[in-house]
Amino acid sequence: VEAVHLIANGKAPRIPQPEEGATYEGIQKKENAEISWDQPAAALHNWIRGHDKVPGAWTTINGQVVTFYGSSLLDASVPAGQELTIKGASRPGLVTKNGLVVFGNDGKMVLVRNLQFEDGKMIPASKYFSADDTTALELTGEEKKIAEDIR
């Protein structure tokens, strides 16, 4: 209570923080979060999960940096899907209806649910090959009214 009163009255002591060792940079840096594909599926999953959301584990697909989010280990038979070549991976990934399946060097699988491109666009991994398809957003009457109020 005393501290609250001191603050309210503008009489609380102010002790400047030393600037030595201070930084606004994140501990994790994007350049250190690249996925190394020569490891077992469990290690890949832990790497992706450990970098989820910041800074995001990434790899190169078709010459573009793609960040992976939302991984889980997949303990099932290899699902049907469209092959996707990933730089450095010993085996192509599979774009399936549930997401992108990638393989560890032990042959086990990791399912990645979301992908983010360099331009910031995030898509469900299952929509990788249909990422260029766009659909128009249609608002209901109530939503149009809210949009006008916001404008």
N, C-alpha and C. Protein backbone atom coordinates (compact mmCIF):
# COMPACT_ATOMS: atom_id res chain seq x y z
N VAL A 1 0.83 -1.18 0.00
CA VAL A 1 0.00 0.00 0.00
C VAL A 1 0.88 1.25 0.00
N GLU A 2 1.94 1.20 0.80
CA GLU A 2 2.83 2.36 0.88
C GLU A 2 3.46 2.65 -0.49
N ALA A 3 3.88 1.60 -1.20
CA ALA A 3 4.49 1.78 -2.52
C ALA A 3 3.49 2.40 -3.50
N VAL A 4 2.24 1.98 -3.44
CA VAL A 4 1.21 2.52 -4.33
C VAL A 4 1.01 4.00 -4.04
N HIS A 5 1.00 4.37 -2.77
CA HIS A 5 0.83 5.78 -2.41
C HIS A 5 2.03 6.62 -2.88
N LEU A 6 3.24 6.08 -2.75
CA LEU A 6 4.42 6.81 -3.22
C LEU A 6 4.34 7.05 -4.72
N ILE A 7 3.91 6.03 -5.48
CA ILE A 7 3.78 6.17 -6.93
C ILE A 7 2.70 7.19 -7.26
N ALA A 8 1.55 7.08 -6.59
CA ALA A 8 0.43 7.99 -6.85
C ALA A 8 0.81 9.44 -6.57
N ASN A 9 1.65 9.66 -5.57
CA ASN A 9 2.06 11.01 -5.20
C ASN A 9 3.29 11.48 -5.97
N GLY A 10 3.81 10.62 -6.84
CA GLY A 10 5.00 10.99 -7.63
C GLY A 10 6.27 11.04 -6.81
N LYS A 11 6.32 10.34 -5.67
CA LYS A 11 7.48 10.38 -4.79
C LYS A 11 8.22 9.04 -4.71
N ALA A 12 7.87 8.10 -5.60
CA ALA A 12 8.53 6.80 -5.59
C ALA A 12 9.97 6.96 -6.06
N PRO A 13 10.93 6.26 -5.41
CA PRO A 13 12.32 6.40 -5.83
C PRO A 13 12.52 5.83 -7.24
N ARG A 14 13.37 6.46 -8.01
CA ARG A 14 13.68 6.00 -9.36
C ARG A 14 15.16 5.63 -9.40
N ILE A 15 15.41 4.37 -9.68
CA ILE A 15 16.79 3.89 -9.75
C ILE A 15 17.07 3.53 -11.20
N PRO A 16 17.98 4.27 -11.87
CA PRO A 16 18.26 3.97 -13.27
C PRO A 16 18.91 2.60 -13.43
N GLN A 17 18.48 1.90 -14.46
CA GLN A 17 19.03 0.59 -14.76
C GLN A 17 20.36 0.76 -15.48
N PRO A 18 21.35 -0.06 -15.13
CA PRO A 18 22.62 0.04 -15.86
C PRO A 18 22.43 -0.43 -17.31
N GLU A 19 23.14 0.20 -18.24
CA GLU A 19 22.99 -0.17 -19.65
C GLU A 19 23.95 -1.27 -20.06
N GLU A 20 24.88 -1.61 -19.19
CA GLU A 20 25.84 -2.67 -19.51
C GLU A 20 25.09 -4.00 -19.63
N GLY A 21 25.24 -4.66 -20.76
CA GLY A 21 24.59 -5.94 -20.99
C GLY A 21 23.14 -5.84 -21.44
N ALA A 22 22.62 -4.62 -21.52
CA ALA A 22 21.23 -4.46 -21.94
C ALA A 22 21.12 -4.62 -23.45
N THR A 23 20.05 -5.23 -23.88
CA THR A 23 19.82 -5.39 -25.32
C THR A 23 18.33 -5.53 -25.58
N TYR A 24 17.94 -5.10 -26.73
CA TYR A 24 16.56 -5.28 -27.15
C TYR A 24 16.45 -6.39 -28.19
N GLU A 25 17.59 -7.01 -28.51
CA GLU A 25 17.57 -8.09 -29.48
C GLU A 25 17.07 -9.35 -28.79
N GLY A 26 16.34 -10.15 -29.54
CA GLY A 26 15.88 -11.41 -29.00
C GLY A 26 17.05 -12.35 -28.79
N ILE A 27 16.91 -13.26 -27.88
CA ILE A 27 17.97 -14.23 -27.61
C ILE A 27 18.17 -15.11 -28.84
N GLN A 28 17.08 -15.53 -29.44
CA GLN A 28 17.14 -16.34 -30.64
C GLN A 28 17.17 -15.45 -31.87
N LYS A 29 18.02 -15.79 -32.80
CA LYS A 29 18.10 -15.02 -34.04
C LYS A 29 17.66 -15.91 -35.19
N LYS A 30 17.00 -15.32 -36.15
CA LYS A 30 16.46 -16.05 -37.30
C LYS A 30 17.54 -16.84 -38.03
N GLU A 31 18.72 -16.22 -38.20
CA GLU A 31 19.77 -16.92 -38.95
C GLU A 31 20.27 -18.18 -38.26
N ASN A 32 20.01 -18.31 -36.96
CA ASN A 32 20.43 -19.50 -36.21
C ASN A 32 19.33 -20.57 -36.15
N ALA A 33 18.20 -20.33 -36.77
CA ALA A 33 17.06 -21.24 -36.65
C ALA A 33 16.85 -22.11 -37.89
N GLU A 34 17.84 -22.15 -38.79
CA GLU A 34 17.69 -22.98 -39.99
C GLU A 34 17.65 -24.46 -39.59
N ILE A 35 16.79 -25.21 -40.25
CA ILE A 35 16.61 -26.63 -39.95
C ILE A 35 17.75 -27.43 -40.57
N SER A 36 18.41 -28.24 -39.76
CA SER A 36 19.42 -29.18 -40.25
C SER A 36 18.71 -30.51 -40.45
N TRP A 37 18.65 -30.97 -41.68
CA TRP A 37 17.84 -32.14 -42.02
C TRP A 37 18.48 -33.47 -41.68
N ASP A 38 19.77 -33.48 -41.35
CA ASP A 38 20.45 -34.74 -41.07
C ASP A 38 20.31 -35.11 -39.59
N GLN A 39 19.09 -35.36 -39.17
CA GLN A 39 18.82 -35.76 -37.80
C GLN A 39 17.50 -36.52 -37.73
N PRO A 40 17.27 -37.26 -36.64
CA PRO A 40 16.03 -38.04 -36.52
C PRO A 40 14.79 -37.14 -36.45
N ALA A 41 13.64 -37.74 -36.74
CA ALA A 41 12.37 -37.00 -36.74
C ALA A 41 12.10 -36.32 -35.40
N ALA A 42 12.39 -36.98 -34.30
CA ALA A 42 12.14 -36.39 -32.98
C ALA A 42 12.94 -35.10 -32.81
N ALA A 43 14.19 -35.09 -33.28
CA ALA A 43 15.02 -33.89 -33.18
C ALA A 43 14.48 -32.78 -34.09
N LEU A 44 14.02 -33.14 -35.29
CA LEU A 44 13.42 -32.15 -36.19
C LEU A 44 12.19 -31.52 -35.54
N HIS A 45 11.33 -32.37 -34.98
CA HIS A 45 10.11 -31.88 -34.31
C HIS A 45 10.48 -30.94 -33.16
N ASN A 46 11.44 -31.34 -32.34
CA ASN A 46 11.83 -30.50 -31.21
C ASN A 46 12.43 -29.18 -31.67
N TRP A 47 13.17 -29.20 -32.77
CA TRP A 47 13.76 -27.96 -33.31
C TRP A 47 12.66 -27.01 -33.79
N ILE A 48 11.71 -27.56 -34.55
CA ILE A 48 10.61 -26.74 -35.07
C ILE A 48 9.76 -26.22 -33.92
N ARG A 49 9.41 -27.10 -33.00
CA ARG A 49 8.58 -26.71 -31.86
C ARG A 49 9.31 -25.71 -30.97
N GLY A 50 10.61 -25.89 -30.79
CA GLY A 50 11.39 -25.00 -29.93
C GLY A 50 11.54 -23.60 -30.49
N HIS A 51 11.39 -23.45 -31.80
CA HIS A 51 11.51 -22.12 -32.42
C HIS A 51 10.16 -21.54 -32.79
N ASP A 52 9.10 -22.21 -32.41
CA ASP A 52 7.73 -21.79 -32.71
C ASP A 52 7.34 -20.72 -31.71
N LYS A 53 6.99 -19.72 -31.99
CA LYS A 53 6.72 -18.67 -32.90
C LYS A 53 7.93 -17.81 -33.17
N VAL A 54 8.77 -17.57 -32.21
CA VAL A 54 9.90 -16.69 -32.45
C VAL A 54 11.18 -17.48 -32.29
N PRO A 55 12.11 -17.48 -33.18
CA PRO A 55 12.11 -16.78 -34.45
C PRO A 55 11.48 -17.58 -35.58
N GLY A 56 11.18 -18.84 -35.35
CA GLY A 56 10.60 -19.70 -36.38
C GLY A 56 11.68 -20.51 -37.08
N ALA A 57 11.54 -21.84 -37.06
CA ALA A 57 12.49 -22.72 -37.75
C ALA A 57 12.21 -22.63 -39.25
N TRP A 58 13.26 -22.53 -40.05
CA TRP A 58 13.06 -22.30 -41.48
C TRP A 58 13.95 -23.20 -42.32
N THR A 59 13.57 -23.28 -43.59
CA THR A 59 14.33 -24.01 -44.59
C THR A 59 14.10 -23.34 -45.93
N THR A 60 14.76 -23.85 -46.96
CA THR A 60 14.60 -23.28 -48.29
C THR A 60 13.83 -24.26 -49.17
N ILE A 61 12.75 -23.76 -49.77
CA ILE A 61 11.93 -24.55 -50.69
C ILE A 61 11.79 -23.71 -51.96
N ASN A 62 12.18 -24.30 -53.08
CA ASN A 62 12.11 -23.61 -54.38
C ASN A 62 12.79 -22.24 -54.34
N GLY A 63 13.93 -22.17 -53.66
CA GLY A 63 14.70 -20.93 -53.60
C GLY A 63 14.14 -19.87 -52.67
N GLN A 64 13.11 -20.21 -51.93
CA GLN A 64 12.48 -19.24 -51.03
C GLN A 64 12.57 -19.74 -49.59
N VAL A 65 12.84 -18.83 -48.65
CA VAL A 65 12.87 -19.19 -47.23
C VAL A 65 11.43 -19.41 -46.76
N VAL A 66 11.19 -20.58 -46.17
CA VAL A 66 9.86 -20.92 -45.67
C VAL A 66 10.01 -21.31 -44.21
N THR A 67 9.21 -20.71 -43.34
CA THR A 67 9.26 -20.97 -41.91
C THR A 67 8.16 -21.96 -41.54
N PHE A 68 8.52 -22.94 -40.70
CA PHE A 68 7.59 -24.00 -40.30
C PHE A 68 7.02 -23.69 -38.91
N TYR A 69 5.73 -23.91 -38.75
CA TYR A 69 5.07 -23.74 -37.46
C TYR A 69 4.11 -24.91 -37.20
N GLY A 70 3.99 -25.28 -35.95
CA GLY A 70 3.00 -26.28 -35.54
C GLY A 70 3.36 -27.69 -35.96
N SER A 71 4.44 -28.23 -35.40
CA SER A 71 4.84 -29.58 -35.77
C SER A 71 4.35 -30.60 -34.75
N SER A 72 4.23 -31.83 -35.21
CA SER A 72 3.93 -32.96 -34.33
C SER A 72 4.53 -34.21 -34.96
N LEU A 73 4.89 -35.15 -34.11
CA LEU A 73 5.42 -36.41 -34.62
C LEU A 73 4.28 -37.20 -35.22
N LEU A 74 4.53 -37.89 -36.30
CA LEU A 74 3.50 -38.64 -37.00
C LEU A 74 3.88 -40.11 -36.96
N ASP A 75 3.09 -40.89 -36.25
CA ASP A 75 3.36 -42.31 -36.10
C ASP A 75 2.27 -43.09 -36.83
N ALA A 76 2.43 -43.19 -38.13
CA ALA A 76 1.45 -43.87 -38.97
C ALA A 76 2.16 -44.31 -40.24
N SER A 77 1.40 -44.90 -41.15
CA SER A 77 2.00 -45.24 -42.43
C SER A 77 2.15 -43.95 -43.24
N VAL A 78 3.02 -43.98 -44.23
CA VAL A 78 3.28 -42.80 -45.05
C VAL A 78 2.00 -42.41 -45.78
N PRO A 79 1.49 -41.18 -45.54
CA PRO A 79 0.24 -40.76 -46.17
C PRO A 79 0.43 -40.41 -47.65
N ALA A 80 -0.67 -40.40 -48.37
CA ALA A 80 -0.64 -39.98 -49.77
C ALA A 80 -0.50 -38.47 -49.82
N GLY A 81 0.28 -37.99 -50.78
CA GLY A 81 0.45 -36.56 -50.91
C GLY A 81 1.31 -36.21 -52.10
N GLN A 82 1.42 -34.94 -52.35
CA GLN A 82 2.19 -34.43 -53.48
C GLN A 82 3.60 -34.11 -52.99
N GLU A 83 4.61 -34.62 -53.70
CA GLU A 83 6.00 -34.43 -53.28
C GLU A 83 6.44 -32.98 -53.38
N LEU A 84 7.27 -32.58 -52.40
CA LEU A 84 7.81 -31.23 -52.34
C LEU A 84 9.29 -31.33 -52.02
N THR A 85 10.14 -30.87 -52.93
CA THR A 85 11.59 -30.92 -52.72
C THR A 85 12.01 -29.83 -51.74
N ILE A 86 12.74 -30.25 -50.72
CA ILE A 86 13.21 -29.33 -49.68
C ILE A 86 14.73 -29.36 -49.69
N LYS A 87 15.35 -28.20 -49.78
CA LYS A 87 16.81 -28.10 -49.85
C LYS A 87 17.44 -28.74 -48.61
N GLY A 88 18.36 -29.68 -48.85
CA GLY A 88 19.09 -30.32 -47.77
C GLY A 88 18.45 -31.57 -47.22
N ALA A 89 17.18 -31.78 -47.50
CA ALA A 89 16.49 -32.98 -47.01
C ALA A 89 16.85 -34.17 -47.89
N SER A 90 17.06 -35.32 -47.27
CA SER A 90 17.43 -36.51 -48.02
C SER A 90 16.25 -37.10 -48.77
N ARG A 91 15.06 -36.69 -48.40
CA ARG A 91 13.85 -37.23 -48.99
C ARG A 91 12.84 -36.08 -49.15
N PRO A 92 12.11 -36.04 -50.25
CA PRO A 92 11.13 -34.95 -50.42
C PRO A 92 10.03 -35.01 -49.35
N GLY A 93 9.50 -33.84 -49.02
CA GLY A 93 8.35 -33.80 -48.13
C GLY A 93 7.10 -34.15 -48.91
N LEU A 94 6.01 -34.36 -48.21
CA LEU A 94 4.73 -34.67 -48.84
C LEU A 94 3.69 -33.67 -48.37
N VAL A 95 3.07 -32.97 -49.30
CA VAL A 95 1.96 -32.08 -48.95
C VAL A 95 0.71 -32.95 -48.95
N THR A 96 0.13 -33.13 -47.77
CA THR A 96 -1.05 -33.98 -47.60
C THR A 96 -2.24 -33.13 -47.17
N LYS A 97 -3.38 -33.77 -47.01
CA LYS A 97 -4.58 -33.03 -46.59
C LYS A 97 -4.45 -32.50 -45.16
N ASN A 98 -3.52 -33.05 -44.37
CA ASN A 98 -3.34 -32.60 -42.99
C ASN A 98 -2.19 -31.64 -42.79
N GLY A 99 -1.33 -31.50 -43.81
CA GLY A 99 -0.18 -30.61 -43.69
C GLY A 99 0.99 -31.16 -44.47
N LEU A 100 2.18 -30.66 -44.13
CA LEU A 100 3.41 -31.07 -44.80
C LEU A 100 4.09 -32.13 -43.94
N VAL A 101 4.32 -33.30 -44.53
CA VAL A 101 5.02 -34.38 -43.85
C VAL A 101 6.48 -34.33 -44.29
N VAL A 102 7.39 -34.24 -43.31
CA VAL A 102 8.82 -34.26 -43.58
C VAL A 102 9.41 -35.46 -42.86
N PHE A 103 10.58 -35.91 -43.35
CA PHE A 103 11.17 -37.14 -42.85
C PHE A 103 12.51 -36.88 -42.19
N GLY A 104 12.73 -37.54 -41.06
CA GLY A 104 14.03 -37.49 -40.40
C GLY A 104 14.95 -38.50 -41.05
N ASN A 105 16.23 -38.48 -40.66
CA ASN A 105 17.18 -39.44 -41.23
C ASN A 105 16.93 -40.86 -40.72
N ASP A 106 16.02 -41.02 -39.77
CA ASP A 106 15.64 -42.33 -39.27
C ASP A 106 14.42 -42.88 -40.00
N GLY A 107 13.90 -42.13 -40.99
CA GLY A 107 12.74 -42.58 -41.76
C GLY A 107 11.41 -42.25 -41.10
N LYS A 108 11.43 -41.74 -39.88
CA LYS A 108 10.19 -41.38 -39.19
C LYS A 108 9.73 -40.02 -39.67
N MET A 109 8.46 -39.70 -39.37
CA MET A 109 7.84 -38.51 -39.96
C MET A 109 7.46 -37.45 -38.93
N VAL A 110 7.45 -36.21 -39.42
CA VAL A 110 6.99 -35.04 -38.66
C VAL A 110 5.94 -34.35 -39.52
N LEU A 111 4.82 -33.98 -38.92
CA LEU A 111 3.77 -33.25 -39.61
C LEU A 111 3.86 -31.77 -39.25
N VAL A 112 3.96 -30.92 -40.25
CA VAL A 112 4.02 -29.47 -40.05
C VAL A 112 2.70 -28.89 -40.54
N ARG A 113 2.02 -28.12 -39.71
CA ARG A 113 0.68 -27.64 -40.04
C ARG A 113 0.64 -26.28 -40.76
N ASN A 114 1.58 -25.39 -40.48
CA ASN A 114 1.54 -24.05 -41.07
C ASN A 114 2.89 -23.66 -41.65
N LEU A 115 2.85 -22.89 -42.73
CA LEU A 115 4.05 -22.39 -43.38
C LEU A 115 3.95 -20.88 -43.54
N GLN A 116 5.07 -20.20 -43.37
CA GLN A 116 5.09 -18.75 -43.58
C GLN A 116 6.18 -18.43 -44.59
N PHE A 117 5.84 -17.61 -45.58
CA PHE A 117 6.77 -17.24 -46.64
C PHE A 117 7.50 -15.95 -46.27
N GLU A 118 8.53 -15.63 -47.05
CA GLU A 118 9.36 -14.44 -46.78
C GLU A 118 8.55 -13.15 -46.74
N ASP A 119 7.46 -13.09 -47.53
CA ASP A 119 6.64 -11.87 -47.57
C ASP A 119 5.70 -11.75 -46.37
N GLY A 120 5.76 -12.73 -45.45
CA GLY A 120 4.93 -12.69 -44.25
C GLY A 120 3.63 -13.46 -44.37
N LYS A 121 3.30 -13.91 -45.58
CA LYS A 121 2.04 -14.64 -45.79
C LYS A 121 2.14 -16.01 -45.14
N MET A 122 1.15 -16.36 -44.31
CA MET A 122 1.11 -17.66 -43.66
C MET A 122 -0.07 -18.45 -44.23
N ILE A 123 0.18 -19.73 -44.51
CA ILE A 123 -0.86 -20.59 -45.05
C ILE A 123 -0.84 -21.93 -44.32
N PRO A 124 -1.96 -22.65 -44.34
CA PRO A 124 -1.91 -24.04 -43.87
C PRO A 124 -0.99 -24.82 -44.81
N ALA A 125 -0.14 -25.67 -44.28
CA ALA A 125 0.81 -26.41 -45.11
C ALA A 125 0.09 -27.28 -46.13
N SER A 126 -1.11 -27.72 -45.82
CA SER A 126 -1.87 -28.56 -46.75
C SER A 126 -2.26 -27.80 -48.02
N LYS A 127 -2.20 -26.47 -47.99
CA LYS A 127 -2.58 -25.64 -49.13
C LYS A 127 -1.36 -25.13 -49.90
N TYR A 128 -0.18 -25.74 -49.70
CA TYR A 128 1.04 -25.23 -50.33
C TYR A 128 0.90 -25.09 -51.85
N PHE A 129 0.40 -26.12 -52.50
CA PHE A 129 0.31 -26.06 -53.96
C PHE A 129 -0.87 -25.24 -54.46
N SER A 130 -1.77 -24.86 -53.58
CA SER A 130 -2.89 -24.01 -53.98
C SER A 130 -2.77 -22.63 -53.35
N ALA A 131 -1.55 -22.26 -52.93
CA ALA A 131 -1.32 -20.98 -52.26
C ALA A 131 -1.64 -19.79 -53.15
N ASP A 132 -1.55 -19.97 -54.47
CA ASP A 132 -1.82 -18.86 -55.38
C ASP A 132 -3.30 -18.63 -55.61
N ASP A 133 -4.13 -19.63 -55.26
CA ASP A 133 -5.57 -19.48 -55.43
C ASP A 133 -6.08 -18.47 -54.41
N THR A 134 -6.86 -17.52 -54.86
CA THR A 134 -7.41 -16.55 -53.93
C THR A 134 -8.93 -16.57 -54.03
N THR A 135 -9.56 -16.36 -52.90
CA THR A 135 -11.01 -16.28 -52.87
C THR A 135 -11.39 -14.95 -52.26
N ALA A 136 -12.47 -14.40 -52.73
CA ALA A 136 -12.91 -13.10 -52.23
C ALA A 136 -13.62 -13.30 -50.90
N LEU A 137 -13.39 -12.39 -50.00
CA LEU A 137 -14.03 -12.42 -48.70
C LEU A 137 -15.39 -11.73 -48.83
N GLU A 138 -16.43 -12.45 -48.45
CA GLU A 138 -17.76 -11.87 -48.51
C GLU A 138 -18.26 -11.62 -47.10
N LEU A 139 -18.67 -10.38 -46.84
CA LEU A 139 -19.13 -10.00 -45.52
C LEU A 139 -20.65 -10.05 -45.45
N THR A 140 -21.15 -10.41 -44.26
CA THR A 140 -22.59 -10.36 -44.04
C THR A 140 -22.98 -8.90 -43.84
N GLY A 141 -24.27 -8.64 -43.82
CA GLY A 141 -24.74 -7.27 -43.61
C GLY A 141 -24.23 -6.68 -42.31
N GLU A 142 -24.26 -7.48 -41.25
CA GLU A 142 -23.79 -7.00 -39.95
C GLU A 142 -22.30 -6.70 -39.99
N GLU A 143 -21.52 -7.57 -40.67
CA GLU A 143 -20.09 -7.36 -40.77
C GLU A 143 -19.77 -6.12 -41.61
N LYS A 144 -20.58 -5.85 -42.65
CA LYS A 144 -20.38 -4.65 -43.46
C LYS A 144 -20.59 -3.40 -42.61
N LYS A 145 -21.61 -3.44 -41.75
CA LYS A 145 -21.88 -2.31 -40.87
C LYS A 145 -20.71 -2.07 -39.92
N ILE A 146 -20.16 -3.15 -39.36
CA ILE A 146 -19.03 -3.02 -38.45
C ILE A 146 -17.82 -2.45 -39.20
N ALA A 147 -17.61 -2.92 -40.43
CA ALA A 147 -16.50 -2.42 -41.24
C ALA A 147 -16.64 -0.92 -41.49
N GLU A 148 -17.87 -0.48 -41.77
CA GLU A 148 -18.11 0.97 -41.99
C GLU A 148 -17.85 1.75 -40.71
N ASP A 149 -18.29 1.21 -39.56
CA ASP A 149 -18.07 1.88 -38.29
C ASP A 149 -16.57 2.02 -38.01
N ILE A 150 -15.82 0.99 -38.35
CA ILE A 150 -14.38 1.03 -38.13
C ILE A 150 -13.73 2.07 -39.03
N ARG A 151 -14.16 2.15 -40.30
CA ARG A 151 -13.60 3.13 -41.22
C ARG A 151 -13.89 4.52 -40.71
